[in-house]
Every structure is written in C-alpha cells, then in structure tokens.
Amino acid sequence: MCSDNEETKKIIALNGLHELAINIEKDLQSLYPMSSDLIFAANLLKYGLSRHLVKVHLVKYSLGDSMH
C-alpha cells in the first residue's frame, strides 16, 4: 500500500497529465480544426485521464474514511 505522500504525488502527476491533455486538445483544435481523428484521440486521452483521476480520488477518500 502506498503512503499518503506517494498517493499525493500520484494525484499531482495525474492532474498534470490531465492539464496537458486539455492543452493538447485545445492546440489541436486550433491548429488542425478539420482533423477530427487527432482531436478525437486527444479527447479520448483527456477523458481517460479524467475517469482515472475520479477513480483515484474516490479510492483515496473512501480508504481514508474507513481508516479513521
């Protein structure tokens, strides 16, 4: 099991990746507005990271609540 510090580092890294995915999607939309494949791929990346972040937060907080 990971320590709270390791979990916090993971969440910070995931948040950074999510922000990067958002920026990539925005850049692709402005640079290649007609390239739906690129934009769709960036959107999938952003969506996947969003879902993973939610899951990590839910697990962290549900475990945290059960430990107290």
C-alpha atoms as a PDB file:
ATOM      1  CA  MET A   1       0.000   0.000   0.000  1.00  0.00           C
ATOM      2  CA  CYS A   2       1.305   3.467  -0.826  1.00  0.00           C
ATOM      3  CA  SER A   3       1.904   6.138   1.769  1.00  0.00           C
ATOM      4  CA  ASP A   4      -0.150   9.326   1.750  1.00  0.00           C
ATOM      5  CA  ASN A   5       2.863  11.203   0.355  1.00  0.00           C
ATOM      6  CA  GLU A   6       3.183   8.752  -2.556  1.00  0.00           C
ATOM      7  CA  GLU A   7      -0.558   8.931  -3.232  1.00  0.00           C
ATOM      8  CA  THR A   8      -0.410  12.729  -3.215  1.00  0.00           C
ATOM      9  CA  LYS A   9       2.480  12.660  -5.698  1.00  0.00           C
ATOM     10  CA  LYS A  10       0.479  10.312  -7.945  1.00  0.00           C
ATOM     11  CA  ILE A  11      -2.544  12.600  -7.863  1.00  0.00           C
ATOM     12  CA  ILE A  12      -0.401  15.659  -8.617  1.00  0.00           C
ATOM     13  CA  ALA A  13       1.183  13.828 -11.570  1.00  0.00           C
ATOM     14  CA  LEU A  14      -2.229  12.715 -12.862  1.00  0.00           C
ATOM     15  CA  ASN A  15      -3.551  16.261 -12.541  1.00  0.00           C
ATOM     16  CA  GLY A  16      -0.558  17.495 -14.537  1.00  0.00           C
ATOM     17  CA  LEU A  17      -1.150  14.899 -17.247  1.00  0.00           C
ATOM     18  CA  HIS A  18      -4.825  15.833 -17.370  1.00  0.00           C
ATOM     19  CA  GLU A  19      -3.968  19.530 -17.800  1.00  0.00           C
ATOM     20  CA  LEU A  20      -1.506  18.590 -20.539  1.00  0.00           C
ATOM     21  CA  ALA A  21      -4.190  16.542 -22.323  1.00  0.00           C
ATOM     22  CA  ILE A  22      -6.586  19.505 -22.142  1.00  0.00           C
ATOM     23  CA  ASN A  23      -3.945  21.808 -23.634  1.00  0.00           C
ATOM     24  CA  ILE A  24      -3.079  19.310 -26.377  1.00  0.00           C
ATOM     25  CA  GLU A  25      -6.746  19.034 -27.319  1.00  0.00           C
ATOM     26  CA  LYS A  26      -7.116  22.833 -27.460  1.00  0.00           C
ATOM     27  CA  ASP A  27      -3.933  23.208 -29.531  1.00  0.00           C
ATOM     28  CA  LEU A  28      -5.032  20.521 -31.984  1.00  0.00           C
ATOM     29  CA  GLN A  29      -8.440  22.149 -32.346  1.00  0.00           C
ATOM     30  CA  SER A  30      -6.841  25.485 -33.206  1.00  0.00           C
ATOM     31  CA  LEU A  31      -4.031  24.115 -35.419  1.00  0.00           C
ATOM     32  CA  TYR A  32      -5.947  21.363 -37.199  1.00  0.00           C
ATOM     33  CA  PRO A  33      -9.669  22.180 -36.891  1.00  0.00           C
ATOM     34  CA  MET A  34     -10.604  19.804 -39.709  1.00  0.00           C
ATOM     35  CA  SER A  35      -8.637  16.821 -38.351  1.00  0.00           C
ATOM     36  CA  SER A  36     -11.323  15.057 -36.392  1.00  0.00           C
ATOM     37  CA  ASP A  37      -9.122  11.969 -35.842  1.00  0.00           C
ATOM     38  CA  LEU A  38      -6.450  13.947 -33.984  1.00  0.00           C
ATOM     39  CA  ILE A  39      -8.998  15.856 -31.938  1.00  0.00           C
ATOM     40  CA  PHE A  40     -10.889  12.645 -31.128  1.00  0.00           C
ATOM     41  CA  ALA A  41      -7.667  10.958 -29.953  1.00  0.00           C
ATOM     42  CA  ALA A  42      -6.813  13.936 -27.730  1.00  0.00           C
ATOM     43  CA  ASN A  43     -10.349  13.922 -26.362  1.00  0.00           C
ATOM     44  CA  LEU A  44     -10.085  10.212 -25.522  1.00  0.00           C
ATOM     45  CA  LEU A  45      -6.815  10.843 -23.701  1.00  0.00           C
ATOM     46  CA  LYS A  46      -8.383  13.684 -21.721  1.00  0.00           C
ATOM     47  CA  TYR A  47     -11.494  11.626 -20.939  1.00  0.00           C
ATOM     48  CA  GLY A  48      -9.466   8.591 -19.869  1.00  0.00           C
ATOM     49  CA  LEU A  49      -7.329  10.672 -17.528  1.00  0.00           C
ATOM     50  CA  SER A  50     -10.447  12.338 -16.102  1.00  0.00           C
ATOM     51  CA  ARG A  51     -12.004   8.970 -15.330  1.00  0.00           C
ATOM     52  CA  HIS A  52      -8.791   7.689 -13.768  1.00  0.00           C
ATOM     53  CA  LEU A  53      -8.467  10.815 -11.614  1.00  0.00           C
ATOM     54  CA  VAL A  54     -12.013  10.382 -10.333  1.00  0.00           C
ATOM     55  CA  LYS A  55     -11.330   6.731  -9.522  1.00  0.00           C
ATOM     56  CA  VAL A  56      -8.084   7.595  -7.689  1.00  0.00           C
ATOM     57  CA  HIS A  57      -9.815  10.321  -5.683  1.00  0.00           C
ATOM     58  CA  LEU A  58     -12.732   8.034  -4.789  1.00  0.00           C
ATOM     59  CA  VAL A  59     -10.429   5.223  -3.671  1.00  0.00           C
ATOM     60  CA  LYS A  60      -8.208   7.592  -1.692  1.00  0.00           C
ATOM     61  CA  TYR A  61     -11.109   9.211   0.140  1.00  0.00           C
ATOM     62  CA  SER A  62     -13.059   6.002   0.727  1.00  0.00           C
ATOM     63  CA  LEU A  63      -9.939   4.341   2.174  1.00  0.00           C
ATOM     64  CA  GLY A  64      -9.165   7.448   4.197  1.00  0.00           C
ATOM     65  CA  ASP A  65     -12.656   7.498   5.697  1.00  0.00           C
ATOM     66  CA  SER A  66     -12.524   3.820   6.627  1.00  0.00           C
ATOM     67  CA  MET A  67      -9.179   4.244   8.375  1.00  0.00           C
ATOM     68  CA  HIS A  68     -10.459   6.904  10.798  1.00  0.00           C
END
